[in-house]
Full PDB file with SEQRES, HELIX, SHEET, SSBOND, CRYST1, ORIGX, SCALE, CONECT and MASTER records, all heavy atoms in Angstrom:
SEQRES   1 A   33  LEU GLY GLU ASN MET ILE MET LYS ARG ALA ALA TRP VAL          
SEQRES   2 A   33  SER VAL PRO GLU ASN PHE PHE ILE GLY TYR TYR VAL HIS          
SEQRES   3 A   33  GLY ALA PRO PRO SER GLY ASN                                  
CRYST1    1.000    1.000    1.000  90.00  90.00  90.00 P 1           1          
ORIGX1      1.000000  0.000000  0.000000        0.00000                         
ORIGX2      0.000000  1.000000  0.000000        0.00000                         
ORIGX3      0.000000  0.000000  1.000000        0.00000                         
SCALE1      1.000000  0.000000  0.000000        0.00000                         
SCALE2      0.000000  1.000000  0.000000        0.00000                         
SCALE3      0.000000  0.000000  1.000000        0.00000                         
ATOM      1  N   LEU A   1       0.801  -1.224   0.000  1.00  0.00           N  
ATOM      2  CA  LEU A   1       0.000   0.000   0.000  1.00  0.00           C  
ATOM      3  C   LEU A   1       0.835   1.276   0.000  1.00  0.00           C  
ATOM      4  O   LEU A   1       0.304   2.356  -0.241  1.00  0.00           O  
ATOM      5  CB  LEU A   1      -0.955  -0.005   1.196  1.00  0.00           C  
ATOM      6  CG  LEU A   1      -1.978  -1.155   1.202  1.00  0.00           C  
ATOM      7  CD1 LEU A   1      -2.882  -1.062   2.430  1.00  0.00           C  
ATOM      8  CD2 LEU A   1      -2.825  -1.136  -0.061  1.00  0.00           C  
ATOM      9  N   GLY A   2       2.132   1.174   0.305  1.00  0.00           N  
ATOM     10  CA  GLY A   2       3.018   2.321   0.167  1.00  0.00           C  
ATOM     11  C   GLY A   2       2.864   3.413   1.191  1.00  0.00           C  
ATOM     12  O   GLY A   2       3.169   4.575   0.908  1.00  0.00           O  
ATOM     13  N   GLU A   3       2.362   3.075   2.387  1.00  0.00           N  
ATOM     14  CA  GLU A   3       2.270   4.047   3.476  1.00  0.00           C  
ATOM     15  C   GLU A   3       2.902   3.474   4.740  1.00  0.00           C  
ATOM     16  O   GLU A   3       2.893   2.255   4.944  1.00  0.00           O  
ATOM     17  CB  GLU A   3       0.808   4.398   3.785  1.00  0.00           C  
ATOM     18  CG  GLU A   3       0.192   5.371   2.825  1.00  0.00           C  
ATOM     19  CD  GLU A   3      -1.106   5.970   3.357  1.00  0.00           C  
ATOM     20  OE1 GLU A   3      -1.463   5.729   4.528  1.00  0.00           O  
ATOM     21  OE2 GLU A   3      -1.752   6.692   2.596  1.00  0.00           O  
ATOM     22  N   ASN A   4       3.405   4.354   5.574  1.00  0.00           N  
ATOM     23  CA  ASN A   4       3.892   3.934   6.884  1.00  0.00           C  
ATOM     24  C   ASN A   4       2.701   3.474   7.733  1.00  0.00           C  
ATOM     25  O   ASN A   4       1.612   4.045   7.655  1.00  0.00           O  
ATOM     26  CB  ASN A   4       4.617   5.085   7.575  1.00  0.00           C  
ATOM     27  CG  ASN A   4       5.337   4.645   8.834  1.00  0.00           C  
ATOM     28  OD1 ASN A   4       5.711   3.480   8.968  1.00  0.00           O  
ATOM     29  ND2 ASN A   4       5.545   5.561   9.759  1.00  0.00           N  
ATOM     30  N   MET A   5       2.914   2.438   8.510  1.00  0.00           N  
ATOM     31  CA  MET A   5       1.856   1.897   9.368  1.00  0.00           C  
ATOM     32  C   MET A   5       2.460   1.471  10.699  1.00  0.00           C  
ATOM     33  O   MET A   5       3.634   1.105  10.768  1.00  0.00           O  
ATOM     34  CB  MET A   5       1.180   0.685   8.713  1.00  0.00           C  
ATOM     35  CG  MET A   5       0.530   0.981   7.387  1.00  0.00           C  
ATOM     36  SD  MET A   5      -0.056  -0.519   6.566  1.00  0.00           S  
ATOM     37  CE  MET A   5      -0.386   0.136   4.918  1.00  0.00           C  
ATOM     38  N   ILE A   6       1.635   1.508  11.747  1.00  0.00           N  
ATOM     39  CA  ILE A   6       2.071   1.119  13.088  1.00  0.00           C  
ATOM     40  C   ILE A   6       0.972   0.308  13.767  1.00  0.00           C  
ATOM     41  O   ILE A   6      -0.194   0.709  13.760  1.00  0.00           O  
ATOM     42  CB  ILE A   6       2.405   2.353  13.960  1.00  0.00           C  
ATOM     43  CG1 ILE A   6       3.585   3.120  13.377  1.00  0.00           C  
ATOM     44  CG2 ILE A   6       2.707   1.946  15.398  1.00  0.00           C  
ATOM     45  CD1 ILE A   6       3.900   4.412  14.122  1.00  0.00           C  
ATOM     46  N   MET A   7       1.359  -0.836  14.322  1.00  0.00           N  
ATOM     47  CA  MET A   7       0.436  -1.580  15.186  1.00  0.00           C  
ATOM     48  C   MET A   7       0.536  -0.943  16.565  1.00  0.00           C  
ATOM     49  O   MET A   7       1.452  -1.227  17.325  1.00  0.00           O  
ATOM     50  CB  MET A   7       0.821  -3.065  15.213  1.00  0.00           C  
ATOM     51  CG  MET A   7       0.782  -3.716  13.849  1.00  0.00           C  
ATOM     52  SD  MET A   7       1.227  -5.484  13.867  1.00  0.00           S  
ATOM     53  CE  MET A   7       2.982  -5.385  14.275  1.00  0.00           C  
ATOM     54  N   LYS A   8      -0.378  -0.058  16.887  1.00  0.00           N  
ATOM     55  CA  LYS A   8      -0.215   0.829  18.040  1.00  0.00           C  
ATOM     56  C   LYS A   8      -0.428   0.115  19.378  1.00  0.00           C  
ATOM     57  O   LYS A   8       0.381   0.239  20.300  1.00  0.00           O  
ATOM     58  CB  LYS A   8      -1.174   2.012  17.916  1.00  0.00           C  
ATOM     59  CG  LYS A   8      -0.887   3.145  18.886  1.00  0.00           C  
ATOM     60  CD  LYS A   8       0.445   3.795  18.558  1.00  0.00           C  
ATOM     61  CE  LYS A   8       0.754   4.969  19.452  1.00  0.00           C  
ATOM     62  NZ  LYS A   8       2.056   5.574  19.142  1.00  0.00           N  
ATOM     63  N   ARG A   9      -1.545  -0.608  19.516  1.00  0.00           N  
ATOM     64  CA  ARG A   9      -1.862  -1.182  20.827  1.00  0.00           C  
ATOM     65  C   ARG A   9      -2.984  -2.207  20.675  1.00  0.00           C  
ATOM     66  O   ARG A   9      -3.682  -2.248  19.661  1.00  0.00           O  
ATOM     67  CB  ARG A   9      -2.306  -0.092  21.811  1.00  0.00           C  
ATOM     68  CG  ARG A   9      -3.411   0.800  21.264  1.00  0.00           C  
ATOM     69  CD  ARG A   9      -3.862   1.860  22.241  1.00  0.00           C  
ATOM     70  NE  ARG A   9      -4.740   2.836  21.615  1.00  0.00           N  
ATOM     71  CZ  ARG A   9      -5.551   3.653  22.251  1.00  0.00           C  
ATOM     72  NH1 ARG A   9      -5.612   3.621  23.575  1.00  0.00           N  
ATOM     73  NH2 ARG A   9      -6.304   4.530  21.603  1.00  0.00           N  
ATOM     74  N   ALA A  10      -3.154  -2.996  21.712  1.00  0.00           N  
ATOM     75  CA  ALA A  10      -4.231  -3.982  21.738  1.00  0.00           C  
ATOM     76  C   ALA A  10      -4.690  -4.162  23.183  1.00  0.00           C  
ATOM     77  O   ALA A  10      -3.901  -4.029  24.124  1.00  0.00           O  
ATOM     78  CB  ALA A  10      -3.777  -5.316  21.165  1.00  0.00           C  
ATOM     79  N   ALA A  11      -5.974  -4.458  23.341  1.00  0.00           N  
ATOM     80  CA  ALA A  11      -6.539  -4.786  24.653  1.00  0.00           C  
ATOM     81  C   ALA A  11      -7.273  -6.115  24.518  1.00  0.00           C  
ATOM     82  O   ALA A  11      -7.969  -6.351  23.529  1.00  0.00           O  
ATOM     83  CB  ALA A  11      -7.497  -3.699  25.126  1.00  0.00           C  
ATOM     84  N   TRP A  12      -7.100  -6.960  25.503  1.00  0.00           N  
ATOM     85  CA  TRP A  12      -7.798  -8.248  25.542  1.00  0.00           C  
ATOM     86  C   TRP A  12      -8.528  -8.354  26.872  1.00  0.00           C  
ATOM     87  O   TRP A  12      -7.964  -8.060  27.930  1.00  0.00           O  
ATOM     88  CB  TRP A  12      -6.803  -9.395  25.414  1.00  0.00           C  
ATOM     89  CG  TRP A  12      -7.372 -10.760  25.672  1.00  0.00           C  
ATOM     90  CD1 TRP A  12      -8.000 -11.572  24.780  1.00  0.00           C  
ATOM     91  CD2 TRP A  12      -7.335 -11.494  26.911  1.00  0.00           C  
ATOM     92  NE1 TRP A  12      -8.358 -12.767  25.369  1.00  0.00           N  
ATOM     93  CE2 TRP A  12      -7.972 -12.738  26.688  1.00  0.00           C  
ATOM     94  CE3 TRP A  12      -6.846 -11.209  28.188  1.00  0.00           C  
ATOM     95  CZ2 TRP A  12      -8.117 -13.691  27.697  1.00  0.00           C  
ATOM     96  CZ3 TRP A  12      -6.994 -12.162  29.192  1.00  0.00           C  
ATOM     97  CH2 TRP A  12      -7.623 -13.392  28.934  1.00  0.00           C  
ATOM     98  N   VAL A  13      -9.807  -8.731  26.818  1.00  0.00           N  
ATOM     99  CA  VAL A  13     -10.568  -8.959  28.047  1.00  0.00           C  
ATOM    100  C   VAL A  13     -11.267 -10.307  27.940  1.00  0.00           C  
ATOM    101  O   VAL A  13     -11.644 -10.754  26.855  1.00  0.00           O  
ATOM    102  CB  VAL A  13     -11.608  -7.848  28.320  1.00  0.00           C  
ATOM    103  CG1 VAL A  13     -10.934  -6.494  28.467  1.00  0.00           C  
ATOM    104  CG2 VAL A  13     -12.659  -7.795  27.232  1.00  0.00           C  
ATOM    105  N   SER A  14     -11.426 -10.946  29.075  1.00  0.00           N  
ATOM    106  CA  SER A  14     -12.142 -12.221  29.122  1.00  0.00           C  
ATOM    107  C   SER A  14     -12.907 -12.282  30.438  1.00  0.00           C  
ATOM    108  O   SER A  14     -12.447 -11.756  31.465  1.00  0.00           O  
ATOM    109  CB  SER A  14     -11.167 -13.398  29.016  1.00  0.00           C  
ATOM    110  OG  SER A  14     -11.858 -14.619  28.834  1.00  0.00           O  
ATOM    111  N   VAL A  15     -14.080 -12.918  30.391  1.00  0.00           N  
ATOM    112  CA  VAL A  15     -14.947 -12.954  31.577  1.00  0.00           C  
ATOM    113  C   VAL A  15     -15.438 -14.373  31.818  1.00  0.00           C  
ATOM    114  O   VAL A  15     -15.472 -15.206  30.910  1.00  0.00           O  
ATOM    115  CB  VAL A  15     -16.166 -12.014  31.395  1.00  0.00           C  
ATOM    116  CG1 VAL A  15     -15.716 -10.572  31.212  1.00  0.00           C  
ATOM    117  CG2 VAL A  15     -17.038 -12.457  30.218  1.00  0.00           C  
ATOM    118  N   PRO A  16     -15.823 -14.685  33.058  1.00  0.00           N  
ATOM    119  CA  PRO A  16     -16.424 -15.993  33.346  1.00  0.00           C  
ATOM    120  C   PRO A  16     -17.776 -16.134  32.655  1.00  0.00           C  
ATOM    121  O   PRO A  16     -18.328 -15.164  32.127  1.00  0.00           O  
ATOM    122  CB  PRO A  16     -16.580 -15.984  34.881  1.00  0.00           C  
ATOM    123  CG  PRO A  16     -15.765 -14.831  35.371  1.00  0.00           C  
ATOM    124  CD  PRO A  16     -15.697 -13.847  34.261  1.00  0.00           C  
ATOM    125  N   GLU A  17     -18.319 -17.329  32.700  1.00  0.00           N  
ATOM    126  CA  GLU A  17     -19.588 -17.624  32.023  1.00  0.00           C  
ATOM    127  C   GLU A  17     -20.737 -16.751  32.515  1.00  0.00           C  
ATOM    128  O   GLU A  17     -21.645 -16.429  31.758  1.00  0.00           O  
ATOM    129  CB  GLU A  17     -19.950 -19.100  32.220  1.00  0.00           C  
ATOM    130  CG  GLU A  17     -19.067 -20.065  31.442  1.00  0.00           C  
ATOM    131  CD  GLU A  17     -19.312 -19.990  29.943  1.00  0.00           C  
ATOM    132  OE1 GLU A  17     -20.404 -19.549  29.546  1.00  0.00           O  
ATOM    133  OE2 GLU A  17     -18.407 -20.361  29.176  1.00  0.00           O  
ATOM    134  N   ASN A  18     -20.709 -16.353  33.783  1.00  0.00           N  
ATOM    135  CA  ASN A  18     -21.834 -15.594  34.340  1.00  0.00           C  
ATOM    136  C   ASN A  18     -21.678 -14.079  34.178  1.00  0.00           C  
ATOM    137  O   ASN A  18     -22.511 -13.319  34.672  1.00  0.00           O  
ATOM    138  CB  ASN A  18     -22.017 -15.924  35.825  1.00  0.00           C  
ATOM    139  CG  ASN A  18     -20.764 -15.643  36.633  1.00  0.00           C  
ATOM    140  OD1 ASN A  18     -19.658 -15.788  36.133  1.00  0.00           O  
ATOM    141  ND2 ASN A  18     -20.938 -15.241  37.885  1.00  0.00           N  
ATOM    142  N   PHE A  19     -20.613 -13.628  33.467  1.00  0.00           N  
ATOM    143  CA  PHE A  19     -20.431 -12.210  33.157  1.00  0.00           C  
ATOM    144  C   PHE A  19     -20.768 -11.999  31.684  1.00  0.00           C  
ATOM    145  O   PHE A  19     -21.009 -12.944  30.948  1.00  0.00           O  
ATOM    146  CB  PHE A  19     -18.984 -11.777  33.400  1.00  0.00           C  
ATOM    147  CG  PHE A  19     -18.597 -11.620  34.849  1.00  0.00           C  
ATOM    148  CD1 PHE A  19     -19.124 -12.433  35.835  1.00  0.00           C  
ATOM    149  CD2 PHE A  19     -17.678 -10.663  35.225  1.00  0.00           C  
ATOM    150  CE1 PHE A  19     -18.753 -12.297  37.168  1.00  0.00           C  
ATOM    151  CE2 PHE A  19     -17.297 -10.506  36.546  1.00  0.00           C  
ATOM    152  CZ  PHE A  19     -17.842 -11.338  37.520  1.00  0.00           C  
ATOM    153  N   PHE A  20     -20.754 -10.748  31.240  1.00  0.00           N  
ATOM    154  CA  PHE A  20     -20.858 -10.482  29.811  1.00  0.00           C  
ATOM    155  C   PHE A  20     -20.052  -9.233  29.453  1.00  0.00           C  
ATOM    156  O   PHE A  20     -19.740  -8.409  30.309  1.00  0.00           O  
ATOM    157  CB  PHE A  20     -22.317 -10.348  29.350  1.00  0.00           C  
ATOM    158  CG  PHE A  20     -23.031  -9.122  29.845  1.00  0.00           C  
ATOM    159  CD1 PHE A  20     -23.083  -7.955  29.082  1.00  0.00           C  
ATOM    160  CD2 PHE A  20     -23.696  -9.126  31.079  1.00  0.00           C  
ATOM    161  CE1 PHE A  20     -23.763  -6.835  29.525  1.00  0.00           C  
ATOM    162  CE2 PHE A  20     -24.383  -8.011  31.531  1.00  0.00           C  
ATOM    163  CZ  PHE A  20     -24.415  -6.860  30.754  1.00  0.00           C  
ATOM    164  N   ILE A  21     -19.698  -9.141  28.170  1.00  0.00           N  
ATOM    165  CA  ILE A  21     -18.914  -8.016  27.660  1.00  0.00           C  
ATOM    166  C   ILE A  21     -19.789  -7.210  26.700  1.00  0.00           C  
ATOM    167  O   ILE A  21     -20.237  -7.717  25.664  1.00  0.00           O  
ATOM    168  CB  ILE A  21     -17.651  -8.489  26.915  1.00  0.00           C  
ATOM    169  CG1 ILE A  21     -16.764  -9.343  27.822  1.00  0.00           C  
ATOM    170  CG2 ILE A  21     -16.863  -7.289  26.377  1.00  0.00           C  
ATOM    171  CD1 ILE A  21     -15.606 -10.012  27.106  1.00  0.00           C  
ATOM    172  N   GLY A  22     -20.054  -5.958  27.046  1.00  0.00           N  
ATOM    173  CA  GLY A  22     -20.703  -5.054  26.116  1.00  0.00           C  
ATOM    174  C   GLY A  22     -19.662  -4.488  25.161  1.00  0.00           C  
ATOM    175  O   GLY A  22     -18.498  -4.317  25.535  1.00  0.00           O  
ATOM    176  N   TYR A  23     -20.064  -4.183  23.942  1.00  0.00           N  
ATOM    177  CA  TYR A  23     -19.088  -3.670  22.975  1.00  0.00           C  
ATOM    178  C   TYR A  23     -19.774  -2.766  21.959  1.00  0.00           C  
ATOM    179  O   TYR A  23     -20.970  -2.898  21.671  1.00  0.00           O  
ATOM    180  CB  TYR A  23     -18.363  -4.814  22.275  1.00  0.00           C  
ATOM    181  CG  TYR A  23     -19.273  -5.793  21.559  1.00  0.00           C  
ATOM    182  CD1 TYR A  23     -19.594  -5.636  20.210  1.00  0.00           C  
ATOM    183  CD2 TYR A  23     -19.816  -6.883  22.232  1.00  0.00           C  
ATOM    184  CE1 TYR A  23     -20.421  -6.528  19.562  1.00  0.00           C  
ATOM    185  CE2 TYR A  23     -20.652  -7.781  21.592  1.00  0.00           C  
ATOM    186  CZ  TYR A  23     -20.949  -7.592  20.251  1.00  0.00           C  
ATOM    187  OH  TYR A  23     -21.789  -8.482  19.615  1.00  0.00           O  
ATOM    188  N   TYR A  24     -18.968  -1.859  21.409  1.00  0.00           N  
ATOM    189  CA  TYR A  24     -19.493  -0.928  20.414  1.00  0.00           C  
ATOM    190  C   TYR A  24     -18.320  -0.331  19.644  1.00  0.00           C  
ATOM    191  O   TYR A  24     -17.259  -0.054  20.208  1.00  0.00           O  
ATOM    192  CB  TYR A  24     -20.280   0.197  21.095  1.00  0.00           C  
ATOM    193  CG  TYR A  24     -20.789   1.256  20.140  1.00  0.00           C  
ATOM    194  CD1 TYR A  24     -21.852   0.989  19.279  1.00  0.00           C  
ATOM    195  CD2 TYR A  24     -20.212   2.516  20.098  1.00  0.00           C  
ATOM    196  CE1 TYR A  24     -22.333   1.960  18.403  1.00  0.00           C  
ATOM    197  CE2 TYR A  24     -20.676   3.497  19.234  1.00  0.00           C  
ATOM    198  CZ  TYR A  24     -21.743   3.205  18.387  1.00  0.00           C  
ATOM    199  OH  TYR A  24     -22.198   4.162  17.523  1.00  0.00           O  
ATOM    200  N   VAL A  25     -18.516  -0.157  18.326  1.00  0.00           N  
ATOM    201  CA  VAL A  25     -17.531   0.505  17.468  1.00  0.00           C  
ATOM    202  C   VAL A  25     -18.256   1.560  16.655  1.00  0.00           C  
ATOM    203  O   VAL A  25     -19.354   1.315  16.138  1.00  0.00           O  
ATOM    204  CB  VAL A  25     -16.826  -0.508  16.530  1.00  0.00           C  
ATOM    205  CG1 VAL A  25     -15.960   0.220  15.517  1.00  0.00           C  
ATOM    206  CG2 VAL A  25     -15.969  -1.479  17.339  1.00  0.00           C  
ATOM    207  N   HIS A  26     -17.660   2.735  16.547  1.00  0.00           N  
ATOM    208  CA  HIS A  26     -18.292   3.868  15.850  1.00  0.00           C  
ATOM    209  C   HIS A  26     -17.408   4.347  14.702  1.00  0.00           C  
ATOM    210  O   HIS A  26     -16.186   4.358  14.806  1.00  0.00           O  
ATOM    211  CB  HIS A  26     -18.517   5.027  16.820  1.00  0.00           C  
ATOM    212  CG  HIS A  26     -19.200   6.206  16.195  1.00  0.00           C  
ATOM    213  ND1 HIS A  26     -20.556   6.230  15.936  1.00  0.00           N  
ATOM    214  CD2 HIS A  26     -18.709   7.393  15.747  1.00  0.00           C  
ATOM    215  CE1 HIS A  26     -20.877   7.381  15.383  1.00  0.00           C  
ATOM    216  NE2 HIS A  26     -19.772   8.109  15.256  1.00  0.00           N  
ATOM    217  N   GLY A  27     -18.065   4.767  13.607  1.00  0.00           N  
ATOM    218  CA  GLY A  27     -17.334   5.323  12.467  1.00  0.00           C  
ATOM    219  C   GLY A  27     -16.813   4.258  11.538  1.00  0.00           C  
ATOM    220  O   GLY A  27     -15.690   4.354  11.029  1.00  0.00           O  
ATOM    221  N   ALA A  28     -17.619   3.229  11.284  1.00  0.00           N  
ATOM    222  CA  ALA A  28     -17.177   2.102  10.474  1.00  0.00           C  
ATOM    223  C   ALA A  28     -17.023   2.499   9.012  1.00  0.00           C  
ATOM    224  O   ALA A  28     -17.876   3.194   8.461  1.00  0.00           O  
ATOM    225  CB  ALA A  28     -18.169   0.939  10.598  1.00  0.00           C  
ATOM    226  N   PRO A  29     -15.937   2.037   8.341  1.00  0.00           N  
ATOM    227  CA  PRO A  29     -15.787   2.286   6.909  1.00  0.00           C  
ATOM    228  C   PRO A  29     -16.677   1.338   6.118  1.00  0.00           C  
ATOM    229  O   PRO A  29     -17.140   0.325   6.647  1.00  0.00           O  
ATOM    230  CB  PRO A  29     -14.301   1.968   6.666  1.00  0.00           C  
ATOM    231  CG  PRO A  29     -13.987   0.925   7.692  1.00  0.00           C  
ATOM    232  CD  PRO A  29     -14.814   1.274   8.900  1.00  0.00           C  
ATOM    233  N   PRO A  30     -16.918   1.635   4.839  1.00  0.00           N  
ATOM    234  CA  PRO A  30     -17.688   0.705   4.007  1.00  0.00           C  
ATOM    235  C   PRO A  30     -17.004  -0.647   3.950  1.00  0.00           C  
ATOM    236  O   PRO A  30     -15.782  -0.744   3.894  1.00  0.00           O  
ATOM    237  CB  PRO A  30     -17.682   1.385   2.627  1.00  0.00           C  
ATOM    238  CG  PRO A  30     -17.375   2.812   2.882  1.00  0.00           C  
ATOM    239  CD  PRO A  30     -16.511   2.835   4.100  1.00  0.00           C  
ATOM    240  N   SER A  31     -17.788  -1.704   3.998  1.00  0.00           N  
ATOM    241  CA  SER A  31     -17.215  -3.052   3.973  1.00  0.00           C  
ATOM    242  C   SER A  31     -18.162  -3.974   3.235  1.00  0.00           C  
ATOM    243  O   SER A  31     -19.337  -3.720   3.107  1.00  0.00           O  
ATOM    244  CB  SER A  31     -16.984  -3.563   5.392  1.00  0.00           C  
ATOM    245  OG  SER A  31     -16.411  -4.846   5.369  1.00  0.00           O  
ATOM    246  N   GLY A  32     -17.633  -5.045   2.724  1.00  0.00           N  
ATOM    247  CA  GLY A  32     -18.426  -6.025   2.007  1.00  0.00           C  
ATOM    248  C   GLY A  32     -17.628  -7.281   1.785  1.00  0.00           C  
ATOM    249  O   GLY A  32     -18.066  -8.204   1.113  1.00  0.00           O  
ATOM    250  N   ASN A  33     -16.415  -7.288   2.353  1.00  0.00           N  
ATOM    251  CA  ASN A  33     -15.541  -8.446   2.194  1.00  0.00           C  
ATOM    252  C   ASN A  33     -15.948  -9.520   3.192  1.00  0.00           C  
ATOM    253  O   ASN A  33     -15.812  -9.328   4.398  1.00  0.00           O  
ATOM    254  CB  ASN A  33     -14.089  -8.027   2.407  1.00  0.00           C  
ATOM    255  CG  ASN A  33     -13.109  -9.123   2.042  1.00  0.00           C  
ATOM    256  OD1 ASN A  33     -13.444 -10.311   2.083  1.00  0.00           O  
ATOM    257  ND2 ASN A  33     -11.898  -8.744   1.683  1.00  0.00           N  
TER     258      ASN A  33                                                      
MASTER        0    0    0    0    0    0    0    6  257    1    0    3          
END                                                                             
């Protein structure tokens, strides 16, 4: 692609069976793949 790129950071969370993880992402690009 010819641009500089950086893998900046990552977060991982895990919960027991009786917990749950809420999640949300905003500003999604067009996708269809």
